[in-house]
Amino acid sequence: MFFGKCGTLITILWCMLVVEKEEMKWREVLMDFPQLTRTLPDGREESVMKRTTLVANTSNMHVAAREASIYTGITIAEYFRDMGYNVSMMVDSTSRWAEALREISGRLVVLKNISRLFD
């Protein structure tokens, strides 16, 4: 669960890259997560999803989509932070993101070398 000081607004951002083998586990999390509630300072119960943004992408998507999902999550987190909300961002499988960055940078080097052939 995610808790803040009494009376504070908390925005939770959860950005994840789903590994194929663990896809079933994440499906269960996404099915159970909306049912979670938190107790507000005035005693009312509120759904955690009311203050949560999920950005999800499977690891079998193309490289650019895997890279973009992290930046999308960061952009959304910065937007809410700039609006004055407290933001907590969690990223799952940063190794997949790093792998996507390596693949893209490797392809850019290849493209750069090919363009030199035609100069």
C-alpha atoms as a PDB file:
ATOM      1  CA  MET A   1       0.000   0.000   0.000  1.00  0.00           C
ATOM      2  CA  PHE A   2       1.008   3.596  -0.494  1.00  0.00           C
ATOM      3  CA  PHE A   3       0.529   6.017   2.390  1.00  0.00           C
ATOM      4  CA  GLY A   4       1.188   9.707   2.835  1.00  0.00           C
ATOM      5  CA  LYS A   5       0.939  12.139   5.724  1.00  0.00           C
ATOM      6  CA  CYS A   6      -2.555  13.039   6.897  1.00  0.00           C
ATOM      7  CA  GLY A   7      -4.243  15.445   4.521  1.00  0.00           C
ATOM      8  CA  THR A   8      -1.739  15.125   1.678  1.00  0.00           C
ATOM      9  CA  LEU A   9      -2.690  14.275  -1.870  1.00  0.00           C
ATOM     10  CA  ILE A  10      -0.838  11.282  -3.226  1.00  0.00           C
ATOM     11  CA  THR A  11      -0.641  10.399  -6.882  1.00  0.00           C
ATOM     12  CA  ILE A  12       0.735   6.969  -7.645  1.00  0.00           C
ATOM     13  CA  LEU A  13       2.266   6.266 -11.034  1.00  0.00           C
ATOM     14  CA  TRP A  14       3.130   2.697 -11.831  1.00  0.00           C
ATOM     15  CA  CYS A  15       5.051   2.125 -15.037  1.00  0.00           C
ATOM     16  CA  MET A  16       5.866  -1.420 -16.001  1.00  0.00           C
ATOM     17  CA  LEU A  17       7.313  -3.526 -18.750  1.00  0.00           C
ATOM     18  CA  VAL A  18       5.768  -6.958 -18.533  1.00  0.00           C
ATOM     19  CA  VAL A  19       7.996  -9.962 -19.134  1.00  0.00           C
ATOM     20  CA  GLU A  20       6.218 -12.636 -21.200  1.00  0.00           C
ATOM     21  CA  LYS A  21       6.716 -15.389 -18.615  1.00  0.00           C
ATOM     22  CA  GLU A  22       5.338 -13.188 -15.850  1.00  0.00           C
ATOM     23  CA  GLU A  23       2.457 -11.814 -17.898  1.00  0.00           C
ATOM     24  CA  MET A  24      -0.112 -13.920 -16.034  1.00  0.00           C
ATOM     25  CA  LYS A  25       1.151 -12.583 -12.699  1.00  0.00           C
ATOM     26  CA  TRP A  26       0.741  -8.993 -13.893  1.00  0.00           C
ATOM     27  CA  ARG A  27      -2.718  -9.713 -15.239  1.00  0.00           C
ATOM     28  CA  GLU A  28      -3.702 -10.842 -11.752  1.00  0.00           C
ATOM     29  CA  VAL A  29      -2.197  -7.690 -10.233  1.00  0.00           C
ATOM     30  CA  LEU A  30      -4.097  -5.511 -12.689  1.00  0.00           C
ATOM     31  CA  MET A  31      -7.322  -7.355 -11.865  1.00  0.00           C
ATOM     32  CA  ASP A  32      -6.842  -7.102  -8.072  1.00  0.00           C
ATOM     33  CA  PHE A  33      -5.344  -3.601  -7.884  1.00  0.00           C
ATOM     34  CA  PRO A  34      -8.589  -1.668  -8.600  1.00  0.00           C
ATOM     35  CA  GLN A  35     -10.234  -3.370  -5.618  1.00  0.00           C
ATOM     36  CA  LEU A  36      -7.715  -1.933  -3.126  1.00  0.00           C
ATOM     37  CA  THR A  37      -8.885   0.957  -0.958  1.00  0.00           C
ATOM     38  CA  ARG A  38      -7.248   3.388   1.417  1.00  0.00           C
ATOM     39  CA  THR A  39      -8.745   5.184   4.395  1.00  0.00           C
ATOM     40  CA  LEU A  40      -8.758   8.973   4.143  1.00  0.00           C
ATOM     41  CA  PRO A  41      -8.087  11.194   7.202  1.00  0.00           C
ATOM     42  CA  ASP A  42     -11.820  11.894   7.535  1.00  0.00           C
ATOM     43  CA  GLY A  43     -12.546   8.140   7.761  1.00  0.00           C
ATOM     44  CA  ARG A  44     -13.923   7.601   4.254  1.00  0.00           C
ATOM     45  CA  GLU A  45     -12.610   4.790   2.061  1.00  0.00           C
ATOM     46  CA  GLU A  46     -11.325   5.654  -1.408  1.00  0.00           C
ATOM     47  CA  SER A  47     -10.239   3.399  -4.260  1.00  0.00           C
ATOM     48  CA  VAL A  48      -6.487   3.423  -4.827  1.00  0.00           C
ATOM     49  CA  MET A  49      -7.207   3.617  -8.577  1.00  0.00           C
ATOM     50  CA  LYS A  50      -8.656   7.109  -8.079  1.00  0.00           C
ATOM     51  CA  ARG A  51      -5.102   8.410  -7.682  1.00  0.00           C
ATOM     52  CA  THR A  52      -3.206   5.908  -9.821  1.00  0.00           C
ATOM     53  CA  THR A  53      -1.963   6.016 -13.392  1.00  0.00           C
ATOM     54  CA  LEU A  54      -0.749   2.778 -14.962  1.00  0.00           C
ATOM     55  CA  VAL A  55       1.458   2.660 -18.054  1.00  0.00           C
ATOM     56  CA  ALA A  56       1.968  -0.928 -19.195  1.00  0.00           C
ATOM     57  CA  ASN A  57       3.801  -2.480 -22.117  1.00  0.00           C
ATOM     58  CA  THR A  58       4.674  -6.090 -22.858  1.00  0.00           C
ATOM     59  CA  SER A  59       8.265  -7.094 -23.480  1.00  0.00           C
ATOM     60  CA  ASN A  60       7.427  -8.643 -26.848  1.00  0.00           C
ATOM     61  CA  MET A  61       6.486  -5.234 -28.276  1.00  0.00           C
ATOM     62  CA  HIS A  62       8.964  -3.557 -30.583  1.00  0.00           C
ATOM     63  CA  VAL A  63      11.974  -1.778 -29.128  1.00  0.00           C
ATOM     64  CA  ALA A  64      10.730   1.783 -29.628  1.00  0.00           C
ATOM     65  CA  ALA A  65       7.501   1.031 -27.740  1.00  0.00           C
ATOM     66  CA  ARG A  66       9.448  -0.411 -24.803  1.00  0.00           C
ATOM     67  CA  GLU A  67      11.624   2.684 -24.645  1.00  0.00           C
ATOM     68  CA  ALA A  68       8.691   5.073 -25.055  1.00  0.00           C
ATOM     69  CA  SER A  69       6.670   3.541 -22.215  1.00  0.00           C
ATOM     70  CA  ILE A  70       9.241   4.624 -19.626  1.00  0.00           C
ATOM     71  CA  TYR A  71       9.419   8.158 -21.015  1.00  0.00           C
ATOM     72  CA  THR A  72       5.616   8.316 -21.113  1.00  0.00           C
ATOM     73  CA  GLY A  73       5.507   7.368 -17.445  1.00  0.00           C
ATOM     74  CA  ILE A  74       8.148   9.958 -16.557  1.00  0.00           C
ATOM     75  CA  THR A  75       6.274  12.663 -18.480  1.00  0.00           C
ATOM     76  CA  ILE A  76       2.999  11.883 -16.702  1.00  0.00           C
ATOM     77  CA  ALA A  77       4.766  11.854 -13.313  1.00  0.00           C
ATOM     78  CA  GLU A  78       6.392  15.228 -14.004  1.00  0.00           C
ATOM     79  CA  TYR A  79       3.039  16.673 -15.083  1.00  0.00           C
ATOM     80  CA  PHE A  80       1.361  15.735 -11.791  1.00  0.00           C
ATOM     81  CA  ARG A  81       4.413  16.854  -9.807  1.00  0.00           C
ATOM     82  CA  ASP A  82       4.329  20.252 -11.525  1.00  0.00           C
ATOM     83  CA  MET A  83       0.637  20.526 -10.610  1.00  0.00           C
ATOM     84  CA  GLY A  84       1.670  20.280  -6.949  1.00  0.00           C
ATOM     85  CA  TYR A  85       0.779  16.649  -6.246  1.00  0.00           C
ATOM     86  CA  ASN A  86       3.061  14.244  -4.419  1.00  0.00           C
ATOM     87  CA  VAL A  87       4.120  11.623  -6.961  1.00  0.00           C
ATOM     88  CA  SER A  88       5.516   8.140  -6.461  1.00  0.00           C
ATOM     89  CA  MET A  89       6.767   6.432  -9.620  1.00  0.00           C
ATOM     90  CA  MET A  90       7.623   2.742  -9.733  1.00  0.00           C
ATOM     91  CA  VAL A  91       9.199   1.058 -12.742  1.00  0.00           C
ATOM     92  CA  ASP A  92       9.368  -2.690 -13.146  1.00  0.00           C
ATOM     93  CA  SER A  93      11.992  -4.353 -15.329  1.00  0.00           C
ATOM     94  CA  THR A  94      14.430  -1.514 -15.910  1.00  0.00           C
ATOM     95  CA  SER A  95      16.754  -4.120 -17.408  1.00  0.00           C
ATOM     96  CA  ARG A  96      14.293  -4.523 -20.321  1.00  0.00           C
ATOM     97  CA  TRP A  97      14.327  -0.754 -20.776  1.00  0.00           C
ATOM     98  CA  ALA A  98      18.143  -0.722 -20.787  1.00  0.00           C
ATOM     99  CA  GLU A  99      18.095  -3.571 -23.302  1.00  0.00           C
ATOM    100  CA  ALA A 100      15.790  -1.529 -25.553  1.00  0.00           C
ATOM    101  CA  LEU A 101      18.123   1.480 -25.288  1.00  0.00           C
ATOM    102  CA  ARG A 102      21.114  -0.692 -26.248  1.00  0.00           C
ATOM    103  CA  GLU A 103      19.247  -2.108 -29.249  1.00  0.00           C
ATOM    104  CA  ILE A 104      18.243   1.344 -30.481  1.00  0.00           C
ATOM    105  CA  SER A 105      21.728   2.815 -29.998  1.00  0.00           C
ATOM    106  CA  GLY A 106      23.230  -0.175 -31.819  1.00  0.00           C
ATOM    107  CA  ARG A 107      20.887   0.349 -34.742  1.00  0.00           C
ATOM    108  CA  LEU A 108      21.668   4.065 -34.862  1.00  0.00           C
ATOM    109  CA  VAL A 109      25.393   3.307 -35.119  1.00  0.00           C
ATOM    110  CA  VAL A 110      24.702   0.885 -37.986  1.00  0.00           C
ATOM    111  CA  LEU A 111      22.595   3.503 -39.782  1.00  0.00           C
ATOM    112  CA  LYS A 112      25.292   6.120 -39.231  1.00  0.00           C
ATOM    113  CA  ASN A 113      27.941   3.798 -40.705  1.00  0.00           C
ATOM    114  CA  ILE A 114      25.745   2.960 -43.720  1.00  0.00           C
ATOM    115  CA  SER A 115      25.173   6.646 -44.468  1.00  0.00           C
ATOM    116  CA  ARG A 116      28.968   7.167 -44.598  1.00  0.00           C
ATOM    117  CA  LEU A 117      29.157   4.727 -47.514  1.00  0.00           C
ATOM    118  CA  PHE A 118      27.103   7.075 -49.663  1.00  0.00           C
ATOM    119  CA  ASP A 119      28.985  10.304 -48.822  1.00  0.00           C
END
